[in-house]
Amino acid sequence: MTVNLMYENLKAKLGDLIPDSELHHKVEIAVQINQLKKERNAVILGHNYMEPAIYYSVTDIKGDSLELSRKAASTDKDVIVFCGVKFMAETAKILNPEKTVLLPAEAGCSLAASITAADVRALKERYPGVPVVTYINTYADVKAETDICCTSGNAVAVVESLHTDSIIFLPDEYLARNIARKTGKHIIFPTMDQTIAAGDGELDIQMIGWRGRCEVHEEFTVNDILKVREQFPGVLILSHMECSPEVTSASDFAGSTKGMIQYIETTSAPCYYLLTECAMAENIMASNPDKKIIRMHGVRCPHMAQITLEATLDSLRSNQIEIHVPEEIHQRAARAVERMIAIG
């Protein structure tokens, strides 16, 4: 695609979001990326939280963690560039050990950083025989200690697939509490409360959680919802499952990023308000110009924001940053991820 043609396409879609002078600059970089992508037989995966200029100009596959995991597992390209964060790129490498997987910047994740493989081993020792469900938002060594992974979109199905009285669900506190509510399980957090009252019996515990949180989604409150409802009558409010149970309960819909997108596409309302990473709202606005998305309490993930068009171009030019997963971790982590994908 030529510079002029890409500019016209992006101008029509993003003209209300990006100043014209900035758009011209981004288009020139995007054209270079797409040319280099062909030369290297590369595919670019883009998470829904990518800035619109990346999302609509260079990504070949877009989606949430589950969708990108599925597509990464089946790509025939030699190089995978992951426009997301490190745990996502690691998952792509786990599913494609023979391919080159690149992450344009050292983009981490507060939630993934909240737990270590040693933490998981300690919980397994304390609760022997209890299966471990780990959110996809974790690093490879944590996945390797896991029986099965899940995403926010399939967490309930994963939990129910185990047909067990007790599970360890890591590391997102709010997602765990939301899933516990949906599945009717009682949950405790022994990482914060090591003392069990006499006679309670830990074996009666149905769900064991961890106190990890996403630094974006923990920002949203019920008060935000009340203010929006007061100002915008008829608004439909959507929240991500990484928000607190108080927030998801006060919302009209709570789900994964894919679920939120589908909800907006299939409903009609005067306006919508999204309690999630703000770049996603901009991407939805660009794809659904007939829908009014309210932009008030926008929170940008500082890690996702590190992935830029400039960094993506440099990544393809110089193989930065190449992702490696040690073989002893890869084999065990792959089992957990593949079991998740099989459930769908």
Protein backbone atom coordinates (compact mmCIF):
# COMPACT_ATOMS: atom_id res chain seq x y z
CA MET A 1 0.00 0.00 0.00
CA THR A 2 1.35 3.43 -0.95
CA VAL A 3 1.82 6.26 1.52
CA ASN A 4 -1.04 8.23 -0.04
CA LEU A 5 -3.47 5.32 0.01
CA MET A 6 -2.68 4.41 3.61
CA TYR A 7 -3.00 8.05 4.63
CA GLU A 8 -6.47 8.28 3.06
CA ASN A 9 -7.56 5.03 4.73
CA LEU A 10 -6.30 6.03 8.16
CA LYS A 11 -7.55 9.59 7.81
CA ALA A 12 -11.08 8.27 7.26
CA LYS A 13 -10.85 6.02 10.30
CA LEU A 14 -8.66 7.97 12.72
CA GLY A 15 -9.03 11.58 11.63
CA ASP A 16 -10.93 12.47 14.80
CA LEU A 17 -8.31 10.85 17.02
CA ILE A 18 -4.93 11.82 15.54
CA PRO A 19 -3.82 15.29 14.35
CA ASP A 20 -3.11 15.44 10.63
CA SER A 21 0.61 16.24 10.95
CA GLU A 22 1.11 13.32 13.33
CA LEU A 23 -0.88 11.03 11.08
CA HIS A 24 1.40 11.78 8.10
CA HIS A 25 4.44 10.86 10.20
CA LYS A 26 2.89 7.61 11.42
CA VAL A 27 1.82 6.59 7.91
CA GLU A 28 5.37 6.92 6.57
CA ILE A 29 6.67 4.60 9.30
CA ALA A 30 3.81 2.15 8.84
CA VAL A 31 4.50 1.80 5.12
CA GLN A 32 8.14 0.95 5.90
CA ILE A 33 7.02 -1.65 8.44
CA ASN A 34 4.65 -3.32 6.01
CA GLN A 35 7.35 -3.51 3.33
CA LEU A 36 9.89 -4.98 5.75
CA LYS A 37 7.26 -7.39 7.03
CA LYS A 38 6.92 -8.86 3.52
CA GLU A 39 10.66 -9.10 3.06
CA ARG A 40 11.09 -11.01 6.33
CA ASN A 41 7.98 -13.19 5.98
CA ALA A 42 6.73 -11.76 9.25
CA VAL A 43 3.31 -11.46 10.87
CA ILE A 44 2.38 -8.72 13.33
CA LEU A 45 -0.01 -9.53 16.15
CA GLY A 46 -1.76 -6.58 17.76
CA HIS A 47 -3.55 -6.61 21.09
CA ASN A 48 -6.74 -4.58 21.45
CA TYR A 49 -4.85 -2.18 23.74
CA MET A 50 -2.49 -1.00 21.01
CA GLU A 51 -2.72 2.63 19.97
CA PRO A 52 -5.01 3.10 16.93
CA ALA A 53 -2.18 4.06 14.55
CA ILE A 54 -0.53 0.67 15.12
CA TYR A 55 -3.79 -1.26 15.36
CA TYR A 56 -5.10 -0.13 11.98
CA SER A 57 -1.93 0.21 9.91
CA VAL A 58 0.44 -2.72 10.47
CA THR A 59 -1.24 -5.49 12.48
CA ASP A 60 -2.24 -8.62 10.56
CA ILE A 61 -4.07 -10.28 13.44
CA LYS A 62 -5.95 -8.32 16.09
CA GLY A 63 -7.66 -9.47 19.24
CA ASP A 64 -7.53 -10.31 22.91
CA SER A 65 -5.15 -12.74 24.57
CA LEU A 66 -7.14 -15.86 23.67
CA GLU A 67 -7.66 -14.93 20.03
CA LEU A 68 -4.02 -14.00 19.57
CA SER A 69 -2.89 -17.22 21.26
CA ARG A 70 -5.00 -19.28 18.88
CA LYS A 71 -3.76 -17.46 15.79
CA ALA A 72 -0.14 -17.52 16.94
CA ALA A 73 -0.35 -21.30 17.23
CA SER A 74 -1.28 -21.67 13.57
CA THR A 75 0.83 -19.05 11.77
CA ASP A 76 3.09 -20.15 8.91
CA LYS A 77 5.26 -17.03 9.02
CA ASP A 78 8.95 -17.16 9.96
CA VAL A 79 8.85 -14.13 12.26
CA ILE A 80 6.19 -13.11 14.78
CA VAL A 81 6.23 -9.49 15.98
CA PHE A 82 4.01 -9.11 19.03
CA CYS A 83 2.60 -5.65 19.59
CA GLY A 84 1.61 -6.28 23.18
CA VAL A 85 3.52 -7.01 26.36
CA LYS A 86 6.16 -9.55 27.32
CA PHE A 87 3.94 -12.33 28.67
CA MET A 88 2.00 -12.29 25.37
CA ALA A 89 5.18 -12.58 23.32
CA GLU A 90 6.34 -15.41 25.57
CA THR A 91 3.06 -17.23 24.93
CA ALA A 92 3.59 -16.89 21.19
CA LYS A 93 7.09 -18.32 21.60
CA ILE A 94 5.78 -21.19 23.71
CA LEU A 95 3.39 -22.09 20.89
CA ASN A 96 6.00 -21.50 18.16
CA PRO A 97 9.37 -22.59 19.57
CA GLU A 98 11.03 -22.78 16.14
CA LYS A 99 10.01 -19.30 15.04
CA THR A 100 11.59 -15.93 15.76
CA VAL A 101 9.36 -13.98 18.15
CA LEU A 102 10.03 -10.27 18.61
CA LEU A 103 8.75 -7.77 21.17
CA PRO A 104 9.35 -4.14 20.08
CA ALA A 105 10.06 -2.89 23.63
CA GLU A 106 10.66 -4.22 27.15
CA ALA A 107 6.97 -3.93 27.93
CA GLY A 108 6.15 -5.66 31.19
CA CYS A 109 2.92 -6.06 33.17
CA SER A 110 2.10 -5.23 36.78
CA LEU A 111 -0.14 -8.28 37.04
CA ALA A 112 2.41 -10.71 35.60
CA ALA A 113 5.05 -9.26 37.92
CA SER A 114 2.85 -9.88 40.99
CA ILE A 115 3.69 -13.59 41.22
CA THR A 116 6.72 -15.82 40.73
CA ALA A 117 7.22 -19.50 39.99
CA ALA A 118 8.46 -19.90 43.58
CA ASP A 119 5.17 -18.44 44.85
CA VAL A 120 3.22 -21.03 42.87
CA ARG A 121 5.38 -23.88 44.11
CA ALA A 122 4.83 -22.73 47.70
CA LEU A 123 1.05 -22.73 47.21
CA LYS A 124 1.17 -26.18 45.62
CA GLU A 125 3.14 -27.45 48.61
CA ARG A 126 0.62 -25.96 51.01
CA TYR A 127 -2.36 -27.34 49.05
CA PRO A 128 -1.10 -30.64 47.62
CA GLY A 129 -3.16 -32.14 44.82
CA VAL A 130 -5.21 -28.98 44.21
CA PRO A 131 -5.12 -28.07 40.49
CA VAL A 132 -3.66 -24.72 39.52
CA VAL A 133 -5.38 -22.40 37.04
CA THR A 134 -3.17 -19.52 35.96
CA TYR A 135 -4.31 -16.46 34.06
CA ILE A 136 -2.59 -16.02 30.69
CA ASN A 137 -1.27 -12.70 32.07
CA THR A 138 1.74 -14.43 33.67
CA TYR A 139 5.32 -15.14 32.67
CA ALA A 140 6.45 -18.44 31.19
CA ASP A 141 8.05 -19.82 34.36
CA VAL A 142 4.76 -19.33 36.23
CA LYS A 143 2.82 -21.04 33.44
CA ALA A 144 5.23 -23.98 33.74
CA GLU A 145 3.98 -24.57 37.31
CA THR A 146 0.38 -24.58 36.13
CA ASP A 147 -2.12 -27.31 35.22
CA ILE A 148 -4.02 -25.10 32.79
CA CYS A 149 -4.06 -21.44 31.75
CA CYS A 150 -7.13 -19.30 31.12
CA THR A 151 -8.09 -15.89 29.80
CA SER A 152 -10.76 -13.55 31.06
CA GLY A 153 -12.94 -14.82 28.23
CA ASN A 154 -12.77 -18.53 29.06
CA ALA A 155 -11.94 -18.54 32.78
CA VAL A 156 -15.34 -19.86 33.85
CA ALA A 157 -15.20 -22.66 31.27
CA VAL A 158 -11.66 -23.57 32.37
CA VAL A 159 -12.61 -23.70 36.06
CA GLU A 160 -15.70 -25.77 35.37
CA SER A 161 -13.76 -28.14 33.10
CA LEU A 162 -11.67 -29.34 36.06
CA HIS A 163 -14.66 -30.88 37.89
CA THR A 164 -12.92 -30.47 41.22
CA ASP A 165 -14.01 -29.21 44.63
CA SER A 166 -10.97 -26.95 45.10
CA ILE A 167 -8.74 -24.95 42.76
CA ILE A 168 -5.87 -22.51 43.02
CA PHE A 169 -6.60 -19.52 40.74
CA LEU A 170 -3.71 -17.10 40.07
CA PRO A 171 -2.72 -14.27 40.13
CA ASP A 172 -5.48 -11.68 39.52
CA GLU A 173 -7.41 -10.98 42.71
CA TYR A 174 -10.35 -9.28 41.01
CA LEU A 175 -10.68 -11.81 38.20
CA ALA A 176 -10.59 -14.60 40.80
CA ARG A 177 -13.29 -12.93 42.87
CA ASN A 178 -15.43 -12.39 39.77
CA ILE A 179 -15.02 -16.02 38.72
CA ALA A 180 -15.73 -17.24 42.26
CA ARG A 181 -18.98 -15.31 42.19
CA LYS A 182 -19.96 -16.71 38.78
CA THR A 183 -19.16 -20.31 39.77
CA GLY A 184 -20.52 -20.10 43.31
CA LYS A 185 -17.18 -20.89 44.96
CA HIS A 186 -15.95 -19.57 48.29
CA ILE A 187 -12.54 -17.92 47.89
CA ILE A 188 -9.69 -17.14 50.28
CA PHE A 189 -6.39 -15.32 49.81
CA PRO A 190 -3.78 -17.07 51.97
CA THR A 191 -1.04 -14.80 50.63
CA MET A 192 -2.54 -12.04 52.76
CA ASP A 193 -4.20 -14.09 55.51
CA GLN A 194 -1.98 -16.96 56.57
CA THR A 195 -4.05 -17.79 59.64
CA ILE A 196 -6.99 -20.18 59.34
CA ALA A 197 -9.39 -20.22 62.28
CA ALA A 198 -9.47 -23.43 64.28
CA GLY A 199 -12.04 -25.83 62.89
CA ASP A 200 -12.39 -24.07 59.53
CA GLY A 201 -10.33 -26.71 57.73
CA GLU A 202 -8.44 -25.61 54.65
CA LEU A 203 -9.61 -28.70 52.77
CA ASP A 204 -13.12 -27.20 52.69
CA ILE A 205 -11.83 -24.19 50.81
CA GLN A 206 -13.09 -24.12 47.23
CA MET A 207 -10.92 -21.44 45.64
CA ILE A 208 -7.50 -20.13 46.61
CA GLY A 209 -6.55 -16.78 45.13
CA TRP A 210 -3.64 -14.35 44.99
CA ARG A 211 -3.46 -10.59 45.52
CA GLY A 212 -2.22 -9.56 42.08
CA ARG A 213 -3.90 -6.68 40.27
CA CYS A 214 -3.78 -4.89 36.94
CA GLU A 215 -2.64 -1.31 37.56
CA VAL A 216 -5.10 -0.06 34.95
CA HIS A 217 -8.27 -1.90 35.95
CA GLU A 218 -7.86 -1.38 39.68
CA GLU A 219 -8.21 2.37 39.03
CA PHE A 220 -11.92 2.15 38.20
CA THR A 221 -14.51 2.60 40.96
CA VAL A 222 -18.25 2.42 41.46
CA ASN A 223 -18.18 6.20 41.91
CA ASP A 224 -16.94 6.52 38.31
CA ILE A 225 -20.00 4.56 37.20
CA LEU A 226 -22.40 6.67 39.26
CA LYS A 227 -21.00 9.90 37.82
CA VAL A 228 -21.30 8.65 34.25
CA ARG A 229 -24.87 7.41 34.74
CA GLU A 230 -25.86 10.78 36.21
CA GLN A 231 -24.33 12.74 33.34
CA PHE A 232 -25.36 10.42 30.50
CA PRO A 233 -28.86 8.95 30.92
CA GLY A 234 -29.28 5.67 29.04
CA VAL A 235 -25.56 4.93 28.93
CA LEU A 236 -24.50 1.27 28.84
CA ILE A 237 -21.44 0.63 30.99
CA LEU A 238 -19.00 -2.17 30.20
CA SER A 239 -16.23 -3.33 32.50
CA HIS A 240 -13.37 -5.77 32.13
CA MET A 241 -13.25 -8.82 34.39
CA GLU A 242 -10.01 -7.46 35.88
CA CYS A 243 -12.06 -4.71 37.54
CA SER A 244 -13.25 -5.22 41.11
CA PRO A 245 -16.44 -7.26 41.68
CA GLU A 246 -18.09 -4.10 42.99
CA VAL A 247 -17.42 -2.41 39.63
CA THR A 248 -18.44 -5.39 37.48
CA SER A 249 -21.66 -5.77 39.51
CA ALA A 250 -22.53 -2.12 38.94
CA SER A 251 -21.89 -2.42 35.18
CA ASP A 252 -24.35 -3.43 32.49
CA PHE A 253 -21.87 -5.93 31.05
CA ALA A 254 -18.64 -7.45 32.32
CA GLY A 255 -16.37 -9.60 30.22
CA SER A 256 -13.20 -9.96 28.19
CA THR A 257 -12.01 -7.38 25.69
CA LYS A 258 -13.50 -9.47 22.87
CA GLY A 259 -16.75 -9.81 24.78
CA MET A 260 -16.94 -6.06 25.29
CA ILE A 261 -16.41 -5.42 21.59
CA GLN A 262 -19.11 -7.91 20.61
CA TYR A 263 -21.51 -6.41 23.14
CA ILE A 264 -21.14 -2.94 21.64
CA GLU A 265 -21.46 -4.25 18.08
CA THR A 266 -24.68 -6.12 18.83
CA THR A 267 -26.52 -3.62 21.05
CA SER A 268 -28.00 -0.19 20.58
CA ALA A 269 -27.68 2.57 23.18
CA PRO A 270 -27.35 6.37 23.24
CA CYS A 271 -23.76 5.92 24.40
CA TYR A 272 -21.29 3.49 25.93
CA TYR A 273 -18.69 3.81 28.64
CA LEU A 274 -15.80 1.34 28.87
CA LEU A 275 -13.93 0.60 32.09
CA THR A 276 -10.74 -0.75 30.53
CA GLU A 277 -7.54 0.42 28.86
CA CYS A 278 -8.39 3.63 26.99
CA ALA A 279 -6.71 2.75 23.66
CA MET A 280 -9.27 -0.01 23.24
CA ALA A 281 -12.09 2.51 23.41
CA GLU A 282 -10.40 4.51 20.65
CA ASN A 283 -10.07 1.39 18.50
CA ILE A 284 -13.75 0.59 18.99
CA MET A 285 -14.68 4.16 18.08
CA ALA A 286 -12.68 3.90 14.86
CA SER A 287 -14.36 0.63 13.86
CA ASN A 288 -17.84 1.69 14.94
CA PRO A 289 -18.32 5.34 13.94
CA ASP A 290 -22.07 5.00 14.50
CA LYS A 291 -21.53 4.23 18.20
CA LYS A 292 -20.92 6.98 20.74
CA ILE A 293 -18.16 6.05 23.19
CA ILE A 294 -17.76 8.32 26.21
CA ARG A 295 -14.18 9.25 27.04
CA MET A 296 -13.94 10.45 30.63
CA HIS A 297 -11.77 8.49 33.07
CA GLY A 298 -9.24 7.23 30.52
CA VAL A 299 -6.37 5.12 31.88
CA ARG A 300 -3.49 4.19 29.56
CA CYS A 301 -1.38 1.15 30.32
CA PRO A 302 2.20 2.46 30.61
CA HIS A 303 3.56 -0.86 29.38
CA MET A 304 1.36 -1.10 26.27
CA ALA A 305 2.27 2.52 25.54
CA GLN A 306 5.92 1.50 25.07
CA ILE A 307 4.97 -0.29 21.85
CA THR A 308 5.16 2.36 19.13
CA LEU A 309 5.45 2.32 15.36
CA GLU A 310 9.06 3.46 15.67
CA ALA A 311 9.88 0.60 18.04
CA THR A 312 8.10 -1.88 15.78
CA LEU A 313 10.16 -0.76 12.78
CA ASP A 314 13.39 -1.04 14.78
CA SER A 315 12.32 -4.48 15.98
CA LEU A 316 11.95 -5.79 12.43
CA ARG A 317 15.19 -4.16 11.31
CA SER A 318 17.40 -5.45 14.11
CA ASN A 319 15.56 -8.40 15.71
CA GLN A 320 14.84 -6.50 18.89
CA ILE A 321 13.78 -7.77 21.39
CA GLU A 322 13.96 -11.49 20.60
CA ILE A 323 12.03 -13.68 23.04
CA HIS A 324 13.55 -16.90 24.37
CA VAL A 325 11.94 -19.48 26.65
CA PRO A 326 14.26 -22.13 28.18
CA GLU A 327 13.38 -25.64 27.03
CA GLU A 328 12.70 -26.99 30.52
CA ILE A 329 10.15 -24.19 31.04
CA HIS A 330 8.78 -24.34 27.51
CA GLN A 331 7.64 -27.95 27.62
CA ARG A 332 5.64 -27.59 30.85
CA ALA A 333 4.24 -24.16 29.97
CA ALA A 334 3.14 -25.40 26.54
CA ARG A 335 0.95 -28.09 28.11
CA ALA A 336 -0.91 -25.51 30.20
CA VAL A 337 -1.43 -23.12 27.28
CA GLU A 338 -2.48 -25.85 24.84
CA ARG A 339 -5.04 -27.18 27.32
CA MET A 340 -6.50 -23.68 27.53
CA ILE A 341 -6.72 -23.35 23.74
CA ALA A 342 -8.40 -26.75 23.48
CA ILE A 343 -11.22 -25.54 25.74
CA GLY A 344 -11.70 -22.42 23.61
